[in-house]
C-alpha atoms as a PDB file:
ATOM      1  CA  MET A   1     100.724 200.881 105.737  1.00  0.00           C
ATOM      2  CA  THR A   2     103.462 200.591 103.106  1.00  0.00           C
ATOM      3  CA  ILE A   3     102.679 198.951  99.775  1.00  0.00           C
ATOM      4  CA  PRO A   4     105.579 197.366  97.826  1.00  0.00           C
ATOM      5  CA  ARG A   5     106.245 199.423  94.722  1.00  0.00           C
ATOM      6  CA  PRO A   6     106.023 197.359  91.501  1.00  0.00           C
ATOM      7  CA  GLN A   7     108.668 199.360  89.656  1.00  0.00           C
ATOM      8  CA  ALA A   8     108.182 197.734  86.242  1.00  0.00           C
ATOM      9  CA  LEU A   9     104.447 198.508  86.372  1.00  0.00           C
ATOM     10  CA  LEU A  10     105.095 202.078  87.479  1.00  0.00           C
ATOM     11  CA  ASP A  11     107.502 202.567  84.573  1.00  0.00           C
ATOM     12  CA  GLN A  12     104.802 201.264  82.234  1.00  0.00           C
ATOM     13  CA  LEU A  13     102.278 203.709  83.686  1.00  0.00           C
ATOM     14  CA  VAL A  14     104.657 206.620  83.120  1.00  0.00           C
ATOM     15  CA  THR A  15     105.341 205.437  79.563  1.00  0.00           C
ATOM     16  CA  ALA A  16     101.632 205.036  78.799  1.00  0.00           C
ATOM     17  CA  THR A  17     100.971 208.563  80.038  1.00  0.00           C
ATOM     18  CA  ARG A  18     103.856 209.986  78.006  1.00  0.00           C
ATOM     19  CA  ILE A  19     102.593 208.248  74.869  1.00  0.00           C
ATOM     20  CA  LEU A  20      99.056 209.552  75.309  1.00  0.00           C
ATOM     21  CA  VAL A  21     100.324 213.087  75.868  1.00  0.00           C
ATOM     22  CA  HIS A  22     102.676 212.932  72.885  1.00  0.00           C
ATOM     23  CA  GLU A  23     100.028 211.457  70.570  1.00  0.00           C
ATOM     24  CA  GLY A  24      97.557 214.217  71.438  1.00  0.00           C
ATOM     25  CA  VAL A  25      95.112 212.033  73.351  1.00  0.00           C
ATOM     26  CA  MET A  26      95.633 213.274  76.900  1.00  0.00           C
ATOM     27  CA  ASP A  27      95.340 216.880  77.946  1.00  0.00           C
ATOM     28  CA  VAL A  28      96.232 218.562  81.215  1.00  0.00           C
ATOM     29  CA  PHE A  29      93.422 216.822  83.116  1.00  0.00           C
ATOM     30  CA  GLY A  30      93.775 213.196  81.983  1.00  0.00           C
ATOM     31  CA  HIS A  31      95.069 210.256  84.024  1.00  0.00           C
ATOM     32  CA  VAL A  32      96.053 206.587  83.675  1.00  0.00           C
ATOM     33  CA  ALA A  33      95.606 203.920  86.358  1.00  0.00           C
ATOM     34  CA  LEU A  34      97.019 200.381  86.441  1.00  0.00           C
ATOM     35  CA  ARG A  35      96.001 197.516  88.705  1.00  0.00           C
ATOM     36  CA  ASP A  36      98.721 196.174  90.980  1.00  0.00           C
ATOM     37  CA  PRO A  37     100.194 192.920  89.580  1.00  0.00           C
ATOM     38  CA  THR A  38     100.170 191.122  92.930  1.00  0.00           C
ATOM     39  CA  ASP A  39      97.083 192.528  94.661  1.00  0.00           C
ATOM     40  CA  PRO A  40      93.932 192.986  92.514  1.00  0.00           C
ATOM     41  CA  GLY A  41      92.453 195.175  95.246  1.00  0.00           C
ATOM     42  CA  VAL A  42      95.100 197.859  94.676  1.00  0.00           C
ATOM     43  CA  PHE A  43      95.668 200.218  91.773  1.00  0.00           C
ATOM     44  CA  TRP A  44      98.293 202.862  91.058  1.00  0.00           C
ATOM     45  CA  LEU A  45      97.501 206.408  90.015  1.00  0.00           C
ATOM     46  CA  ALA A  46      99.462 209.644  90.002  1.00  0.00           C
ATOM     47  CA  ARG A  47      98.957 212.420  92.489  1.00  0.00           C
ATOM     48  CA  ALA A  48      97.171 215.340  90.849  1.00  0.00           C
ATOM     49  CA  GLY A  49      99.540 217.137  88.509  1.00  0.00           C
ATOM     50  CA  ALA A  50     100.512 217.785  84.921  1.00  0.00           C
ATOM     51  CA  PRO A  51     100.596 214.501  82.955  1.00  0.00           C
ATOM     52  CA  ALA A  52     103.549 215.663  80.847  1.00  0.00           C
ATOM     53  CA  ARG A  53     105.665 215.978  84.011  1.00  0.00           C
ATOM     54  CA  LEU A  54     104.707 212.620  85.503  1.00  0.00           C
ATOM     55  CA  THR A  55     107.448 210.483  87.071  1.00  0.00           C
ATOM     56  CA  ALA A  56     107.244 207.149  88.861  1.00  0.00           C
ATOM     57  CA  GLY A  57     107.746 208.987  92.151  1.00  0.00           C
ATOM     58  CA  ASP A  58     104.370 210.672  91.670  1.00  0.00           C
ATOM     59  CA  LEU A  59     102.467 207.376  91.677  1.00  0.00           C
ATOM     60  CA  LEU A  60     100.427 206.320  94.693  1.00  0.00           C
ATOM     61  CA  PRO A  61      98.530 203.131  95.638  1.00  0.00           C
ATOM     62  CA  PHE A  62      94.746 203.244  96.087  1.00  0.00           C
ATOM     63  CA  ASP A  63      92.103 200.752  97.164  1.00  0.00           C
ATOM     64  CA  LEU A  64      88.926 199.938  95.269  1.00  0.00           C
ATOM     65  CA  ASP A  65      87.044 202.659  97.141  1.00  0.00           C
ATOM     66  CA  GLY A  66      89.427 205.247  95.698  1.00  0.00           C
ATOM     67  CA  ALA A  67      91.171 205.854  99.019  1.00  0.00           C
ATOM     68  CA  PRO A  68      94.971 206.228  99.194  1.00  0.00           C
ATOM     69  CA  LEU A  69      96.625 203.304 100.968  1.00  0.00           C
ATOM     70  CA  GLU A  70      99.534 205.330 102.320  1.00  0.00           C
ATOM     71  CA  PRO A  71      99.482 208.633 104.204  1.00  0.00           C
ATOM     72  CA  THR A  72     100.015 211.510 101.800  1.00  0.00           C
ATOM     73  CA  ASP A  73      99.765 215.280 101.755  1.00  0.00           C
ATOM     74  CA  ALA A  74      99.701 215.290  97.951  1.00  0.00           C
ATOM     75  CA  ALA A  75      96.749 216.674  96.039  1.00  0.00           C
ATOM     76  CA  LEU A  76      94.685 213.796  94.626  1.00  0.00           C
ATOM     77  CA  PHE A  77      92.615 213.569  91.470  1.00  0.00           C
ATOM     78  CA  SER A  78      88.976 214.102  92.411  1.00  0.00           C
ATOM     79  CA  GLU A  79      88.002 211.544  89.764  1.00  0.00           C
ATOM     80  CA  ARG A  80      90.144 208.714  91.126  1.00  0.00           C
ATOM     81  CA  PHE A  81      86.832 206.997  91.913  1.00  0.00           C
ATOM     82  CA  ILE A  82      86.382 206.298  88.194  1.00  0.00           C
ATOM     83  CA  HIS A  83      89.331 203.910  88.226  1.00  0.00           C
ATOM     84  CA  ALA A  84      88.274 202.340  91.523  1.00  0.00           C
ATOM     85  CA  ALA A  85      84.841 201.555  90.094  1.00  0.00           C
ATOM     86  CA  VAL A  86      86.320 200.105  86.893  1.00  0.00           C
ATOM     87  CA  PHE A  87      88.638 197.740  88.761  1.00  0.00           C
ATOM     88  CA  ARG A  88      85.871 196.786  91.191  1.00  0.00           C
ATOM     89  CA  ALA A  89      83.391 195.996  88.402  1.00  0.00           C
ATOM     90  CA  ASP A  90      85.619 194.185  85.914  1.00  0.00           C
ATOM     91  CA  ALA A  91      88.210 191.633  87.016  1.00  0.00           C
ATOM     92  CA  THR A  92      89.669 191.564  83.497  1.00  0.00           C
ATOM     93  CA  ALA A  93      90.425 195.299  83.514  1.00  0.00           C
ATOM     94  CA  GLN A  94      94.069 195.918  84.356  1.00  0.00           C
ATOM     95  CA  ALA A  95      94.251 199.469  83.005  1.00  0.00           C
ATOM     96  CA  SER A  96      91.933 202.475  82.981  1.00  0.00           C
ATOM     97  CA  VAL A  97      92.268 205.875  81.304  1.00  0.00           C
ATOM     98  CA  HIS A  98      90.132 208.984  81.624  1.00  0.00           C
ATOM     99  CA  HIS A  99      90.847 211.726  79.101  1.00  0.00           C
ATOM    100  CA  HIS A 100      89.280 214.536  77.089  1.00  0.00           C
ATOM    101  CA  ALA A 101      90.773 214.150  73.602  1.00  0.00           C
ATOM    102  CA  ALA A 102      89.631 216.883  71.229  1.00  0.00           C
ATOM    103  CA  ALA A 103      88.823 214.354  68.497  1.00  0.00           C
ATOM    104  CA  LEU A 104      86.265 212.609  70.714  1.00  0.00           C
ATOM    105  CA  MET A 105      84.704 215.580  72.498  1.00  0.00           C
ATOM    106  CA  PRO A 106      82.202 216.405  69.698  1.00  0.00           C
ATOM    107  CA  TYR A 107      80.756 212.899  70.127  1.00  0.00           C
ATOM    108  CA  CYS A 108      80.326 213.548  73.863  1.00  0.00           C
ATOM    109  CA  MET A 109      77.668 216.180  73.141  1.00  0.00           C
ATOM    110  CA  GLY A 110      74.870 213.808  72.132  1.00  0.00           C
ATOM    111  CA  GLY A 111      74.291 215.092  68.617  1.00  0.00           C
ATOM    112  CA  ARG A 112      75.665 212.096  66.744  1.00  0.00           C
ATOM    113  CA  PRO A 113      76.876 208.665  67.894  1.00  0.00           C
ATOM    114  CA  LEU A 114      80.432 207.460  67.427  1.00  0.00           C
ATOM    115  CA  VAL A 115      80.435 204.329  65.267  1.00  0.00           C
ATOM    116  CA  ALA A 116      83.149 201.935  64.132  1.00  0.00           C
ATOM    117  CA  LEU A 117      84.304 202.369  60.546  1.00  0.00           C
ATOM    118  CA  SER A 118      87.544 200.417  60.248  1.00  0.00           C
ATOM    119  CA  GLN A 119      89.433 197.354  61.431  1.00  0.00           C
ATOM    120  CA  THR A 120      91.363 199.280  64.096  1.00  0.00           C
ATOM    121  CA  GLY A 121      88.109 200.701  65.441  1.00  0.00           C
ATOM    122  CA  ALA A 122      86.052 197.513  65.339  1.00  0.00           C
ATOM    123  CA  TRP A 123      86.731 196.814  69.023  1.00  0.00           C
ATOM    124  CA  MET A 124      84.489 199.803  69.918  1.00  0.00           C
ATOM    125  CA  GLY A 125      81.414 197.911  68.743  1.00  0.00           C
ATOM    126  CA  ALA A 126      78.558 199.114  66.579  1.00  0.00           C
ATOM    127  CA  GLU A 127      77.996 202.301  68.592  1.00  0.00           C
ATOM    128  CA  VAL A 128      79.929 203.741  71.523  1.00  0.00           C
ATOM    129  CA  PRO A 129      77.616 204.357  74.514  1.00  0.00           C
ATOM    130  CA  LEU A 130      77.138 207.870  75.870  1.00  0.00           C
ATOM    131  CA  TRP A 131      76.784 208.120  79.661  1.00  0.00           C
ATOM    132  CA  ASP A 132      74.862 211.128  80.928  1.00  0.00           C
ATOM    133  CA  SER A 133      75.413 211.958  84.599  1.00  0.00           C
ATOM    134  CA  ARG A 134      72.185 213.953  84.643  1.00  0.00           C
ATOM    135  CA  ALA A 135      70.098 210.830  84.048  1.00  0.00           C
ATOM    136  CA  SER A 136      70.862 209.405  87.495  1.00  0.00           C
ATOM    137  CA  PHE A 137      72.267 212.346  89.455  1.00  0.00           C
ATOM    138  CA  GLY A 138      70.627 215.487  88.108  1.00  0.00           C
ATOM    139  CA  ASP A 139      72.746 218.594  87.709  1.00  0.00           C
ATOM    140  CA  THR A 140      76.365 218.113  88.825  1.00  0.00           C
ATOM    141  CA  ASN A 141      79.641 219.989  88.411  1.00  0.00           C
ATOM    142  CA  MET A 142      80.302 217.558  85.511  1.00  0.00           C
ATOM    143  CA  LEU A 143      82.975 215.660  87.446  1.00  0.00           C
ATOM    144  CA  VAL A 144      82.729 212.103  88.789  1.00  0.00           C
ATOM    145  CA  THR A 145      83.569 212.678  92.439  1.00  0.00           C
ATOM    146  CA  ASP A 146      82.178 209.712  94.358  1.00  0.00           C
ATOM    147  CA  MET A 147      81.749 205.964  94.070  1.00  0.00           C
ATOM    148  CA  ALA A 148      78.023 206.144  93.299  1.00  0.00           C
ATOM    149  CA  GLN A 149      78.629 208.198  90.169  1.00  0.00           C
ATOM    150  CA  ALA A 150      81.692 206.170  89.212  1.00  0.00           C
ATOM    151  CA  THR A 151      79.851 202.863  89.611  1.00  0.00           C
ATOM    152  CA  ASP A 152      77.055 204.114  87.365  1.00  0.00           C
ATOM    153  CA  LEU A 153      79.626 205.189  84.773  1.00  0.00           C
ATOM    154  CA  ALA A 154      81.512 201.880  84.896  1.00  0.00           C
ATOM    155  CA  ALA A 155      78.234 199.993  84.354  1.00  0.00           C
ATOM    156  CA  ALA A 156      77.844 201.816  81.020  1.00  0.00           C
ATOM    157  CA  LEU A 157      81.041 200.316  79.619  1.00  0.00           C
ATOM    158  CA  THR A 158      80.424 197.852  76.811  1.00  0.00           C
ATOM    159  CA  PRO A 159      82.571 194.845  75.866  1.00  0.00           C
ATOM    160  CA  GLY A 160      84.379 197.396  73.689  1.00  0.00           C
ATOM    161  CA  ARG A 161      85.835 198.928  76.850  1.00  0.00           C
ATOM    162  CA  ILE A 162      84.901 202.512  76.029  1.00  0.00           C
ATOM    163  CA  VAL A 163      82.187 204.923  77.112  1.00  0.00           C
ATOM    164  CA  LEU A 164      81.731 208.590  76.282  1.00  0.00           C
ATOM    165  CA  MET A 165      80.706 210.976  79.056  1.00  0.00           C
ATOM    166  CA  ARG A 166      78.160 213.601  78.031  1.00  0.00           C
ATOM    167  CA  GLY A 167      79.758 217.051  77.965  1.00  0.00           C
ATOM    168  CA  HIS A 168      82.846 215.743  79.724  1.00  0.00           C
ATOM    169  CA  GLY A 169      85.235 213.208  78.226  1.00  0.00           C
ATOM    170  CA  VAL A 170      85.984 209.536  77.739  1.00  0.00           C
ATOM    171  CA  LEU A 171      86.676 206.416  79.797  1.00  0.00           C
ATOM    172  CA  VAL A 172      88.669 203.574  78.233  1.00  0.00           C
ATOM    173  CA  THR A 173      89.753 200.340  79.906  1.00  0.00           C
ATOM    174  CA  GLY A 174      92.118 197.587  78.843  1.00  0.00           C
ATOM    175  CA  THR A 175      93.827 194.341  79.758  1.00  0.00           C
ATOM    176  CA  GLY A 176      97.126 196.151  80.335  1.00  0.00           C
ATOM    177  CA  PRO A 177      99.021 199.338  79.501  1.00  0.00           C
ATOM    178  CA  GLU A 178      99.746 198.404  75.893  1.00  0.00           C
ATOM    179  CA  ASP A 179      96.123 197.414  75.266  1.00  0.00           C
ATOM    180  CA  VAL A 180      94.586 200.544  76.788  1.00  0.00           C
ATOM    181  CA  VAL A 181      96.985 202.850  74.940  1.00  0.00           C
ATOM    182  CA  PHE A 182      96.099 201.132  71.657  1.00  0.00           C
ATOM    183  CA  ARG A 183      92.389 201.601  72.353  1.00  0.00           C
ATOM    184  CA  CYS A 184      92.751 205.236  73.411  1.00  0.00           C
ATOM    185  CA  ILE A 185      94.727 206.218  70.322  1.00  0.00           C
ATOM    186  CA  HIS A 186      92.628 204.322  67.819  1.00  0.00           C
ATOM    187  CA  ALA A 187      89.360 205.601  69.287  1.00  0.00           C
ATOM    188  CA  CYS A 188      90.644 209.090  68.498  1.00  0.00           C
ATOM    189  CA  ARG A 189      91.716 208.024  65.011  1.00  0.00           C
ATOM    190  CA  GLU A 190      88.255 206.545  64.395  1.00  0.00           C
ATOM    191  CA  ALA A 191      86.575 209.758  65.563  1.00  0.00           C
ATOM    192  CA  GLU A 192      88.830 211.839  63.313  1.00  0.00           C
ATOM    193  CA  THR A 193      87.990 209.598  60.364  1.00  0.00           C
ATOM    194  CA  LEU A 194      84.263 209.759  61.044  1.00  0.00           C
ATOM    195  CA  THR A 195      84.296 213.547  61.397  1.00  0.00           C
ATOM    196  CA  ALA A 196      86.199 213.938  58.125  1.00  0.00           C
ATOM    197  CA  ALA A 197      84.081 211.375  56.269  1.00  0.00           C
ATOM    198  CA  LEU A 198      80.856 213.099  57.301  1.00  0.00           C
ATOM    199  CA  THR A 199      81.985 216.238  55.494  1.00  0.00           C
ATOM    200  CA  LEU A 200      82.013 214.200  52.266  1.00  0.00           C
ATOM    201  CA  GLY A 201      78.588 212.640  52.716  1.00  0.00           C
ATOM    202  CA  THR A 202      77.124 209.499  54.227  1.00  0.00           C
ATOM    203  CA  VAL A 203      79.295 206.907  55.908  1.00  0.00           C
ATOM    204  CA  THR A 204      79.078 203.125  56.064  1.00  0.00           C
ATOM    205  CA  PRO A 205      79.689 201.754  59.581  1.00  0.00           C
ATOM    206  CA  LEU A 206      81.029 198.259  60.091  1.00  0.00           C
ATOM    207  CA  SER A 207      78.441 195.491  60.061  1.00  0.00           C
ATOM    208  CA  GLU A 208      77.795 193.235  63.041  1.00  0.00           C
ATOM    209  CA  GLY A 209      79.643 190.456  61.216  1.00  0.00           C
ATOM    210  CA  GLU A 210      82.665 192.642  60.531  1.00  0.00           C
ATOM    211  CA  ILE A 211      82.757 193.731  64.166  1.00  0.00           C
ATOM    212  CA  ALA A 212      82.544 190.107  65.301  1.00  0.00           C
ATOM    213  CA  LEU A 213      85.486 189.150  63.082  1.00  0.00           C
ATOM    214  CA  ALA A 214      87.705 192.191  63.720  1.00  0.00           C
ATOM    215  CA  GLY A 215      86.566 193.330  67.142  1.00  0.00           C
ATOM    216  CA  THR A 216      89.427 191.944  69.244  1.00  0.00           C
ATOM    217  CA  PRO A 217      92.692 193.835  68.720  1.00  0.00           C
ATOM    218  CA  ALA A 218      95.398 191.384  67.651  1.00  0.00           C
ATOM    219  CA  PRO A 219      98.168 191.088  70.269  1.00  0.00           C
ATOM    220  CA  ALA A 220     100.810 191.591  67.576  1.00  0.00           C
ATOM    221  CA  ALA A 221      99.135 194.818  66.452  1.00  0.00           C
ATOM    222  CA  VAL A 222      98.884 196.073  70.029  1.00  0.00           C
ATOM    223  CA  ARG A 223     102.566 195.341  70.611  1.00  0.00           C
ATOM    224  CA  ARG A 224     103.525 196.968  67.302  1.00  0.00           C
ATOM    225  CA  GLY A 225     101.619 200.081  68.282  1.00  0.00           C
ATOM    226  CA  TRP A 226     103.416 200.283  71.629  1.00  0.00           C
ATOM    227  CA  ASP A 227     106.795 199.841  69.923  1.00  0.00           C
ATOM    228  CA  HIS A 228     105.945 202.570  67.401  1.00  0.00           C
ATOM    229  CA  TRP A 229     104.651 205.087  69.932  1.00  0.00           C
ATOM    230  CA  THR A 230     107.489 204.572  72.399  1.00  0.00           C
ATOM    231  CA  ALA A 231     109.994 205.074  69.561  1.00  0.00           C
ATOM    232  CA  ARG A 232     108.355 208.434  68.852  1.00  0.00           C
ATOM    233  CA  LEU A 233     108.772 209.697  72.405  1.00  0.00           C
ATOM    234  CA  PRO A 234     111.188 212.622  72.643  1.00  0.00           C
ATOM    235  CA  GLY A 235     113.950 213.089  75.165  1.00  0.00           C
ATOM    236  CA  ASP A 236     114.850 210.819  78.044  1.00  0.00           C
ATOM    237  CA  THR A 237     114.756 207.151  76.992  1.00  0.00           C
ATOM    238  CA  THR A 238     113.515 206.122  80.448  1.00  0.00           C
ATOM    239  CA  TYR A 239     110.078 207.071  79.103  1.00  0.00           C
ATOM    240  CA  ARG A 240     110.385 204.120  76.753  1.00  0.00           C
ATOM    241  CA  LYS A 241     110.296 201.384  79.383  1.00  0.00           C
ATOM    242  CA  GLY A 242     107.303 199.264  78.459  1.00  0.00           C
ATOM    243  CA  ALA A 243     106.019 195.753  78.980  1.00  0.00           C
ATOM    244  CA  GLN A 244     108.866 193.256  78.981  1.00  0.00           C
END
């Protein structure tokens, strides 16, 4: 079975990955997935490899069970099921990112919740949920390696499109590559702000009313962020191909 390659989408996926690497969000183990623009039952994800070296040729199509749709000998991400479960559970999700940003990892340990403090973090909601694999699956190797675990994780996502994973990392979803990159970066910024503010004393989270008024990222702000972050990318300008 050969799936038509949506080249513009694949370029966007590469650009999103490059941005997240360059902005310090994605480490060696992170990955971005985008839903196919013509078939909602298909998503695109890289073969397992270093995100900083990703090219469009590394991207493969998968179904919503996390299975590759074309024969391949390439090593696959064991956590591809996360993206499959996201796209299966939420028809509005067009993008999914799993990462382990250093700014967010302290809030994955269960000692203190991550809360929204500013306009660019309001989309996260009053408190970011923390999913604990042990609650439903007991002791694991701390990876999400099947659809049962991934489905449980995806169910923990709030309307804010983010969930922390206890002792592990973060899952963020979005309505497209620009949207999910905006959310990933500003979740880290919010965590950095909260961590710094706590060293000074108490903090004042956003109220429910403030979250209701500011909780949807403005399309112009999302686009401005994408323009800014692509302009910061070093080297080959092919990395800068974004949404047209």
